[in-house]
Amino acid sequence: MIKGSIVDLVTPQLADGAPDLEAIEALMDWHVSERSAAVLIGGAAGQVATPDFEDRRELLQRAIWQADGRLPVIAAVRLDEASEALVMA
């Protein structure tokens, strides 16, 4: 069971709108050092535009790799993508 702060990570993006993978790595390290209980990847987090499925999948994979078991990473799943979400499992 997860106890504590679960952070819905804002998706870092480059100027062209592509996901900023270096920034996600830095954010993961920061949340590990600050003792966040877990992070949620690919949620809305109040963003005007949410990344598409492939970008969220890439961000999720990078976050899991960077977390390296140091904190749980939770994948946000939109209802309209339920069948695609099985690919992430």
PDB file of N, CA and C in Angstrom:
ATOM      1  N   MET A   1       0.840  -1.180   0.000  1.00  0.00           N
ATOM      2  CA  MET A   1       0.000   0.000   0.000  1.00  0.00           C
ATOM      3  C   MET A   1       0.884   1.241   0.000  1.00  0.00           C
ATOM      4  N   ILE A   2       0.463   2.224  -0.761  1.00  0.00           N
ATOM      5  CA  ILE A   2       1.190   3.482  -0.834  1.00  0.00           C
ATOM      6  C   ILE A   2       0.610   4.436   0.202  1.00  0.00           C
ATOM      7  N   LYS A   3       1.483   5.003   1.015  1.00  0.00           N
ATOM      8  CA  LYS A   3       1.062   5.998   2.000  1.00  0.00           C
ATOM      9  C   LYS A   3       1.887   7.250   1.788  1.00  0.00           C
ATOM     10  N   GLY A   4       1.212   8.381   1.717  1.00  0.00           N
ATOM     11  CA  GLY A   4       1.915   9.637   1.549  1.00  0.00           C
ATOM     12  C   GLY A   4       1.487  10.347   0.283  1.00  0.00           C
ATOM     13  N   SER A   5       2.337  11.223  -0.193  1.00  0.00           N
ATOM     14  CA  SER A   5       2.040  12.080  -1.333  1.00  0.00           C
ATOM     15  C   SER A   5       2.241  11.345  -2.654  1.00  0.00           C
ATOM     16  N   ILE A   6       1.171  11.277  -3.456  1.00  0.00           N
ATOM     17  CA  ILE A   6       1.261  10.743  -4.808  1.00  0.00           C
ATOM     18  C   ILE A   6       1.139  11.938  -5.744  1.00  0.00           C
ATOM     19  N   VAL A   7       2.181  12.207  -6.484  1.00  0.00           N
ATOM     20  CA  VAL A   7       2.260  13.414  -7.298  1.00  0.00           C
ATOM     21  C   VAL A   7       1.832  13.133  -8.733  1.00  0.00           C
ATOM     22  N   ASP A   8       0.872  13.922  -9.228  1.00  0.00           N
ATOM     23  CA  ASP A   8       0.476  13.876 -10.636  1.00  0.00           C
ATOM     24  C   ASP A   8       1.456  14.779 -11.374  1.00  0.00           C
ATOM     25  N   LEU A   9       2.449  14.173 -12.004  1.00  0.00           N
ATOM     26  CA  LEU A   9       3.532  14.922 -12.624  1.00  0.00           C
ATOM     27  C   LEU A   9       3.057  15.690 -13.850  1.00  0.00           C
ATOM     28  N   VAL A  10       3.362  16.964 -13.896  1.00  0.00           N
ATOM     29  CA  VAL A  10       3.120  17.756 -15.096  1.00  0.00           C
ATOM     30  C   VAL A  10       4.102  17.253 -16.145  1.00  0.00           C
ATOM     31  N   THR A  11       3.646  17.070 -17.364  1.00  0.00           N
ATOM     32  CA  THR A  11       4.493  16.525 -18.417  1.00  0.00           C
ATOM     33  C   THR A  11       5.449  17.594 -18.935  1.00  0.00           C
ATOM     34  N   PRO A  12       6.744  17.390 -18.745  1.00  0.00           N
ATOM     35  CA  PRO A  12       7.696  18.366 -19.280  1.00  0.00           C
ATOM     36  C   PRO A  12       7.766  18.237 -20.802  1.00  0.00           C
ATOM     37  N   GLN A  13       7.766  19.385 -21.481  1.00  0.00           N
ATOM     38  CA  GLN A  13       7.784  19.370 -22.942  1.00  0.00           C
ATOM     39  C   GLN A  13       8.858  20.299 -23.481  1.00  0.00           C
ATOM     40  N   LEU A  14       9.366  19.935 -24.645  1.00  0.00           N
ATOM     41  CA  LEU A  14      10.300  20.786 -25.378  1.00  0.00           C
ATOM     42  C   LEU A  14       9.500  21.854 -26.110  1.00  0.00           C
ATOM     43  N   ALA A  15      10.184  22.809 -26.698  1.00  0.00           N
ATOM     44  CA  ALA A  15       9.512  23.911 -27.397  1.00  0.00           C
ATOM     45  C   ALA A  15       8.598  23.418 -28.513  1.00  0.00           C
ATOM     46  N   ASP A  16       8.937  22.292 -29.129  1.00  0.00           N
ATOM     47  CA  ASP A  16       8.109  21.772 -30.222  1.00  0.00           C
ATOM     48  C   ASP A  16       6.956  20.898 -29.734  1.00  0.00           C
ATOM     49  N   GLY A  17       6.801  20.777 -28.417  1.00  0.00           N
ATOM     50  CA  GLY A  17       5.714  19.995 -27.846  1.00  0.00           C
ATOM     51  C   GLY A  17       6.063  18.548 -27.549  1.00  0.00           C
ATOM     52  N   ALA A  18       7.232  18.101 -27.979  1.00  0.00           N
ATOM     53  CA  ALA A  18       7.667  16.730 -27.699  1.00  0.00           C
ATOM     54  C   ALA A  18       7.991  16.591 -26.211  1.00  0.00           C
ATOM     55  N   PRO A  19       7.846  15.386 -25.664  1.00  0.00           N
ATOM     56  CA  PRO A  19       8.166  15.196 -24.256  1.00  0.00           C
ATOM     57  C   PRO A  19       9.660  15.439 -23.998  1.00  0.00           C
ATOM     58  N   ASP A  20       9.950  16.083 -22.900  1.00  0.00           N
ATOM     59  CA  ASP A  20      11.335  16.353 -22.503  1.00  0.00           C
ATOM     60  C   ASP A  20      11.795  15.220 -21.594  1.00  0.00           C
ATOM     61  N   LEU A  21      12.462  14.238 -22.181  1.00  0.00           N
ATOM     62  CA  LEU A  21      12.846  13.039 -21.434  1.00  0.00           C
ATOM     63  C   LEU A  21      13.937  13.312 -20.401  1.00  0.00           C
ATOM     64  N   GLU A  22      14.827  14.258 -20.679  1.00  0.00           N
ATOM     65  CA  GLU A  22      15.841  14.615 -19.682  1.00  0.00           C
ATOM     66  C   GLU A  22      15.185  15.249 -18.460  1.00  0.00           C
ATOM     67  N   ALA A  23      14.180  16.072 -18.698  1.00  0.00           N
ATOM     68  CA  ALA A  23      13.487  16.717 -17.587  1.00  0.00           C
ATOM     69  C   ALA A  23      12.727  15.698 -16.743  1.00  0.00           C
ATOM     70  N   ILE A  24      12.133  14.683 -17.377  1.00  0.00           N
ATOM     71  CA  ILE A  24      11.406  13.671 -16.604  1.00  0.00           C
ATOM     72  C   ILE A  24      12.376  12.909 -15.711  1.00  0.00           C
ATOM     73  N   GLU A  25      13.591  12.661 -16.205  1.00  0.00           N
ATOM     74  CA  GLU A  25      14.594  11.983 -15.384  1.00  0.00           C
ATOM     75  C   GLU A  25      14.957  12.837 -14.162  1.00  0.00           C
ATOM     76  N   ALA A  26      15.152  14.124 -14.381  1.00  0.00           N
ATOM     77  CA  ALA A  26      15.486  15.023 -13.275  1.00  0.00           C
ATOM     78  C   ALA A  26      14.328  15.105 -12.278  1.00  0.00           C
ATOM     79  N   LEU A  27      13.101  15.170 -12.780  1.00  0.00           N
ATOM     80  CA  LEU A  27      11.937  15.214 -11.885  1.00  0.00           C
ATOM     81  C   LEU A  27      11.827  13.941 -11.052  1.00  0.00           C
ATOM     82  N   MET A  28      12.087  12.801 -11.671  1.00  0.00           N
ATOM     83  CA  MET A  28      12.022  11.539 -10.935  1.00  0.00           C
ATOM     84  C   MET A  28      13.056  11.528  -9.813  1.00  0.00           C
ATOM     85  N   ASP A  29      14.276  11.943 -10.124  1.00  0.00           N
ATOM     86  CA  ASP A  29      15.319  11.994  -9.094  1.00  0.00           C
ATOM     87  C   ASP A  29      14.924  12.944  -7.963  1.00  0.00           C
ATOM     88  N   TRP A  30      14.327  14.087  -8.322  1.00  0.00           N
ATOM     89  CA  TRP A  30      13.919  15.054  -7.308  1.00  0.00           C
ATOM     90  C   TRP A  30      12.845  14.457  -6.397  1.00  0.00           C
ATOM     91  N   HIS A  31      11.861  13.776  -6.986  1.00  0.00           N
ATOM     92  CA  HIS A  31      10.788  13.192  -6.174  1.00  0.00           C
ATOM     93  C   HIS A  31      11.310  12.055  -5.298  1.00  0.00           C
ATOM     94  N   VAL A  32      12.313  11.346  -5.767  1.00  0.00           N
ATOM     95  CA  VAL A  32      12.939  10.326  -4.914  1.00  0.00           C
ATOM     96  C   VAL A  32      13.613  11.016  -3.728  1.00  0.00           C
ATOM     97  N   SER A  33      14.392  12.052  -3.993  1.00  0.00           N
ATOM     98  CA  SER A  33      15.117  12.729  -2.901  1.00  0.00           C
ATOM     99  C   SER A  33      14.182  13.443  -1.932  1.00  0.00           C
ATOM    100  N   GLU A  34      13.019  13.888  -2.434  1.00  0.00           N
ATOM    101  CA  GLU A  34      12.051  14.576  -1.569  1.00  0.00           C
ATOM    102  C   GLU A  34      11.078  13.607  -0.901  1.00  0.00           C
ATOM    103  N   ARG A  35      11.249  12.331  -1.161  1.00  0.00           N
ATOM    104  CA  ARG A  35      10.471  11.266  -0.542  1.00  0.00           C
ATOM    105  C   ARG A  35       8.987  11.289  -0.894  1.00  0.00           C
ATOM    106  N   SER A  36       8.685  11.610  -2.138  1.00  0.00           N
ATOM    107  CA  SER A  36       7.307  11.442  -2.598  1.00  0.00           C
ATOM    108  C   SER A  36       6.983   9.957  -2.507  1.00  0.00           C
ATOM    109  N   ALA A  37       5.742   9.637  -2.229  1.00  0.00           N
ATOM    110  CA  ALA A  37       5.363   8.233  -2.078  1.00  0.00           C
ATOM    111  C   ALA A  37       5.257   7.537  -3.433  1.00  0.00           C
ATOM    112  N   ALA A  38       4.840   8.271  -4.477  1.00  0.00           N
ATOM    113  CA  ALA A  38       4.692   7.721  -5.820  1.00  0.00           C
ATOM    114  C   ALA A  38       4.461   8.875  -6.785  1.00  0.00           C
ATOM    115  N   VAL A  39       4.600   8.597  -8.076  1.00  0.00           N
ATOM    116  CA  VAL A  39       4.290   9.593  -9.093  1.00  0.00           C
ATOM    117  C   VAL A  39       3.299   8.997 -10.090  1.00  0.00           C
ATOM    118  N   LEU A  40       2.424   9.846 -10.597  1.00  0.00           N
ATOM    119  CA  LEU A  40       1.448   9.483 -11.621  1.00  0.00           C
ATOM    120  C   LEU A  40       1.931  10.098 -12.924  1.00  0.00           C
ATOM    121  N   ILE A  41       2.096   9.261 -13.941  1.00  0.00           N
ATOM    122  CA  ILE A  41       2.595   9.725 -15.236  1.00  0.00           C
ATOM    123  C   ILE A  41       1.467   9.708 -16.261  1.00  0.00           C
ATOM    124  N   GLY A  42       1.338  10.805 -17.001  1.00  0.00           N
ATOM    125  CA  GLY A  42       0.375  10.856 -18.094  1.00  0.00           C
ATOM    126  C   GLY A  42      -1.002  11.328 -17.706  1.00  0.00           C
ATOM    127  N   GLY A  43      -1.149  11.856 -16.500  1.00  0.00           N
ATOM    128  CA  GLY A  43      -2.428  12.416 -16.093  1.00  0.00           C
ATOM    129  C   GLY A  43      -2.597  13.803 -16.693  1.00  0.00           C
ATOM    130  N   ALA A  44      -3.706  14.424 -16.423  1.00  0.00           N
ATOM    131  CA  ALA A  44      -3.969  15.754 -16.980  1.00  0.00           C
ATOM    132  C   ALA A  44      -3.214  16.836 -16.229  1.00  0.00           C
ATOM    133  N   ALA A  45      -3.136  16.736 -14.904  1.00  0.00           N
ATOM    134  CA  ALA A  45      -2.418  17.703 -14.065  1.00  0.00           C
ATOM    135  C   ALA A  45      -2.742  19.151 -14.410  1.00  0.00           C
ATOM    136  N   GLY A  46      -3.965  19.399 -14.876  1.00  0.00           N
ATOM    137  CA  GLY A  46      -4.377  20.761 -15.185  1.00  0.00           C
ATOM    138  C   GLY A  46      -3.769  21.316 -16.455  1.00  0.00           C
ATOM    139  N   GLN A  47      -3.158  20.464 -17.255  1.00  0.00           N
ATOM    140  CA  GLN A  47      -2.531  20.928 -18.484  1.00  0.00           C
ATOM    141  C   GLN A  47      -3.580  21.187 -19.553  1.00  0.00           C
ATOM    142  N   VAL A  48      -3.306  22.164 -20.393  1.00  0.00           N
ATOM    143  CA  VAL A  48      -4.218  22.478 -21.487  1.00  0.00           C
ATOM    144  C   VAL A  48      -4.254  21.319 -22.483  1.00  0.00           C
ATOM    145  N   ALA A  49      -3.089  20.803 -22.829  1.00  0.00           N
ATOM    146  CA  ALA A  49      -3.009  19.682 -23.773  1.00  0.00           C
ATOM    147  C   ALA A  49      -2.321  18.510 -23.088  1.00  0.00           C
ATOM    148  N   THR A  50      -2.893  17.340 -23.237  1.00  0.00           N
ATOM    149  CA  THR A  50      -2.246  16.153 -22.696  1.00  0.00           C
ATOM    150  C   THR A  50      -1.518  15.442 -23.824  1.00  0.00           C
ATOM    151  N   PRO A  51      -0.392  14.812 -23.513  1.00  0.00           N
ATOM    152  CA  PRO A  51       0.360  14.109 -24.550  1.00  0.00           C
ATOM    153  C   PRO A  51      -0.458  12.958 -25.129  1.00  0.00           C
ATOM    154  N   ASP A  52      -0.147  12.591 -26.370  1.00  0.00           N
ATOM    155  CA  ASP A  52      -0.844  11.467 -26.983  1.00  0.00           C
ATOM    156  C   ASP A  52      -0.354  10.153 -26.361  1.00  0.00           C
ATOM    157  N   PHE A  53      -0.973   9.055 -26.753  1.00  0.00           N
ATOM    158  CA  PHE A  53      -0.693   7.759 -26.160  1.00  0.00           C
ATOM    159  C   PHE A  53       0.784   7.387 -26.273  1.00  0.00           C
ATOM    160  N   GLU A  54       1.361   7.531 -27.451  1.00  0.00           N
ATOM    161  CA  GLU A  54       2.759   7.133 -27.640  1.00  0.00           C
ATOM    162  C   GLU A  54       3.708   7.973 -26.794  1.00  0.00           C
ATOM    163  N   ASP A  55       3.462   9.281 -26.697  1.00  0.00           N
ATOM    164  CA  ASP A  55       4.311  10.137 -25.860  1.00  0.00           C
ATOM    165  C   ASP A  55       4.175   9.758 -24.388  1.00  0.00           C
ATOM    166  N   ARG A  56       2.947   9.475 -23.938  1.00  0.00           N
ATOM    167  CA  ARG A  56       2.758   9.077 -22.543  1.00  0.00           C
ATOM    168  C   ARG A  56       3.431   7.735 -22.265  1.00  0.00           C
ATOM    169  N   ARG A  57       3.354   6.848 -23.245  1.00  0.00           N
ATOM    170  CA  ARG A  57       4.007   5.543 -23.087  1.00  0.00           C
ATOM    171  C   ARG A  57       5.518   5.715 -22.952  1.00  0.00           C
ATOM    172  N   GLU A  58       6.098   6.567 -23.788  1.00  0.00           N
ATOM    173  CA  GLU A  58       7.542   6.824 -23.720  1.00  0.00           C
ATOM    174  C   GLU A  58       7.914   7.475 -22.391  1.00  0.00           C
ATOM    175  N   LEU A  59       7.105   8.434 -21.946  1.00  0.00           N
ATOM    176  CA  LEU A  59       7.361   9.070 -20.650  1.00  0.00           C
ATOM    177  C   LEU A  59       7.271   8.061 -19.514  1.00  0.00           C
ATOM    178  N   LEU A  60       6.279   7.191 -19.578  1.00  0.00           N
ATOM    179  CA  LEU A  60       6.116   6.170 -18.545  1.00  0.00           C
ATOM    180  C   LEU A  60       7.323   5.243 -18.509  1.00  0.00           C
ATOM    181  N   GLN A  61       7.758   4.777 -19.659  1.00  0.00           N
ATOM    182  CA  GLN A  61       8.915   3.890 -19.710  1.00  0.00           C
ATOM    183  C   GLN A  61      10.160   4.571 -19.157  1.00  0.00           C
ATOM    184  N   ARG A  62      10.352   5.842 -19.510  1.00  0.00           N
ATOM    185  CA  ARG A  62      11.524   6.578 -19.019  1.00  0.00           C
ATOM    186  C   ARG A  62      11.431   6.799 -17.515  1.00  0.00           C
ATOM    187  N   ALA A  63      10.240   7.112 -17.021  1.00  0.00           N
ATOM    188  CA  ALA A  63      10.059   7.326 -15.583  1.00  0.00           C
ATOM    189  C   ALA A  63      10.330   6.048 -14.798  1.00  0.00           C
ATOM    190  N   ILE A  64       9.831   4.933 -15.300  1.00  0.00           N
ATOM    191  CA  ILE A  64      10.069   3.653 -14.617  1.00  0.00           C
ATOM    192  C   ILE A  64      11.554   3.335 -14.604  1.00  0.00           C
ATOM    193  N   TRP A  65      12.208   3.540 -15.737  1.00  0.00           N
ATOM    194  CA  TRP A  65      13.653   3.290 -15.822  1.00  0.00           C
ATOM    195  C   TRP A  65      14.413   4.176 -14.830  1.00  0.00           C
ATOM    196  N   GLN A  66      14.057   5.456 -14.782  1.00  0.00           N
ATOM    197  CA  GLN A  66      14.769   6.392 -13.903  1.00  0.00           C
ATOM    198  C   GLN A  66      14.454   6.123 -12.439  1.00  0.00           C
ATOM    199  N   ALA A  67      13.228   5.742 -12.134  1.00  0.00           N
ATOM    200  CA  ALA A  67      12.863   5.457 -10.743  1.00  0.00           C
ATOM    201  C   ALA A  67      13.649   4.257 -10.222  1.00  0.00           C
ATOM    202  N   ASP A  68      13.897   3.288 -11.080  1.00  0.00           N
ATOM    203  CA  ASP A  68      14.732   2.135 -10.755  1.00  0.00           C
ATOM    204  C   ASP A  68      14.341   1.499  -9.417  1.00  0.00           C
ATOM    205  N   GLY A  69      13.021   1.390  -9.206  1.00  0.00           N
ATOM    206  CA  GLY A  69      12.533   0.747  -7.992  1.00  0.00           C
ATOM    207  C   GLY A  69      12.586   1.613  -6.741  1.00  0.00           C
ATOM    208  N   ARG A  70      13.008   2.865  -6.886  1.00  0.00           N
ATOM    209  CA  ARG A  70      13.129   3.737  -5.710  1.00  0.00           C
ATOM    210  C   ARG A  70      11.800   4.326  -5.272  1.00  0.00           C
ATOM    211  N   LEU A  71      10.818   4.393  -6.162  1.00  0.00           N
ATOM    212  CA  LEU A  71       9.469   4.814  -5.811  1.00  0.00           C
ATOM    213  C   LEU A  71       8.519   4.278  -6.867  1.00  0.00           C
ATOM    214  N   PRO A  72       7.262   4.038  -6.492  1.00  0.00           N
ATOM    215  CA  PRO A  72       6.295   3.517  -7.459  1.00  0.00           C
ATOM    216  C   PRO A  72       5.950   4.555  -8.527  1.00  0.00           C
ATOM    217  N   VAL A  73       5.748   4.062  -9.743  1.00  0.00           N
ATOM    218  CA  VAL A  73       5.319   4.886 -10.860  1.00  0.00           C
ATOM    219  C   VAL A  73       3.962   4.338 -11.303  1.00  0.00           C
ATOM    220  N   ILE A  74       2.970   5.216 -11.336  1.00  0.00           N
ATOM    221  CA  ILE A  74       1.601   4.830 -11.685  1.00  0.00           C
ATOM    222  C   ILE A  74       1.272   5.414 -13.053  1.00  0.00           C
ATOM    223  N   ALA A  75       0.737   4.579 -13.946  1.00  0.00           N
ATOM    224  CA  ALA A  75       0.359   5.038 -15.280  1.00  0.00           C
ATOM    225  C   ALA A  75      -1.074   5.531 -15.265  1.00  0.00           C
ATOM    226  N   ALA A  76      -1.281   6.764 -15.700  1.00  0.00           N
ATOM    227  CA  ALA A  76      -2.641   7.280 -15.850  1.00  0.00           C
ATOM    228  C   ALA A  76      -3.243   6.661 -17.107  1.00  0.00           C
ATOM    229  N   VAL A  77      -4.504   6.274 -17.019  1.00  0.00           N
ATOM    230  CA  VAL A  77      -5.194   5.658 -18.148  1.00  0.00           C
ATOM    231  C   VAL A  77      -6.487   6.425 -18.390  1.00  0.00           C
ATOM    232  N   ARG A  78      -6.657   6.897 -19.616  1.00  0.00           N
ATOM    233  CA  ARG A  78      -7.907   7.557 -19.976  1.00  0.00           C
ATOM    234  C   ARG A  78      -8.902   6.507 -20.413  1.00  0.00           C
ATOM    235  N   LEU A  79     -10.164   6.741 -20.121  1.00  0.00           N
ATOM    236  CA  LEU A  79     -11.203   5.777 -20.468  1.00  0.00           C
ATOM    237  C   LEU A  79     -11.282   5.498 -21.962  1.00  0.00           C
ATOM    238  N   ASP A  80     -11.006   6.500 -22.780  1.00  0.00           N
ATOM    239  CA  ASP A  80     -11.091   6.299 -24.228  1.00  0.00           C
ATOM    240  C   ASP A  80      -9.913   5.502 -24.773  1.00  0.00           C
ATOM    241  N   GLU A  81      -8.961   5.148 -23.925  1.00  0.00           N
ATOM    242  CA  GLU A  81      -7.788   4.381 -24.352  1.00  0.00           C
ATOM    243  C   GLU A  81      -7.647   3.080 -23.581  1.00  0.00           C
ATOM    244  N   ALA A  82      -8.711   2.572 -23.028  1.00  0.00           N
ATOM    245  CA  ALA A  82      -8.631   1.398 -22.179  1.00  0.00           C
ATOM    246  C   ALA A  82      -7.958   0.216 -22.881  1.00  0.00           C
ATOM    247  N   SER A  83      -8.285  -0.020 -24.137  1.00  0.00           N
ATOM    248  CA  SER A  83      -7.670  -1.152 -24.844  1.00  0.00           C
ATOM    249  C   SER A  83      -6.182  -0.920 -25.076  1.00  0.00           C
ATOM    250  N   GLU A  84      -5.786   0.325 -25.362  1.00  0.00           N
ATOM    251  CA  GLU A  84      -4.368   0.629 -25.545  1.00  0.00           C
ATOM    252  C   GLU A  84      -3.607   0.526 -24.229  1.00  0.00           C
ATOM    253  N   ALA A  85      -4.279   0.791 -23.128  1.00  0.00           N
ATOM    254  CA  ALA A  85      -3.618   0.766 -21.833  1.00  0.00           C
ATOM    255  C   ALA A  85      -3.088  -0.628 -21.498  1.00  0.00           C
ATOM    256  N   LEU A  86      -3.706  -1.652 -22.041  1.00  0.00           N
ATOM    257  CA  LEU A  86      -3.218  -2.998 -21.802  1.00  0.00           C
ATOM    258  C   LEU A  86      -1.805  -3.191 -22.345  1.00  0.00           C
ATOM    259  N   VAL A  87      -1.428  -2.406 -23.342  1.00  0.00           N
ATOM    260  CA  VAL A  87      -0.080  -2.458 -23.899  1.00  0.00           C
ATOM    261  C   VAL A  87       0.932  -2.009 -22.856  1.00  0.00           C
ATOM    262  N   MET A  88       0.526  -1.055 -21.992  1.00  0.00           N
ATOM    263  CA  MET A  88       1.434  -0.535 -20.972  1.00  0.00           C
ATOM    264  C   MET A  88       1.643  -1.524 -19.839  1.00  0.00           C
ATOM    265  N   ALA A  89       0.703  -2.428 -19.645  1.00  0.00           N
ATOM    266  CA  ALA A  89       0.765  -3.342 -18.507  1.00  0.00           C
ATOM    267  C   ALA A  89       1.919  -4.312 -18.603  1.00  0.00           C
TER     268      ALA A  89
END
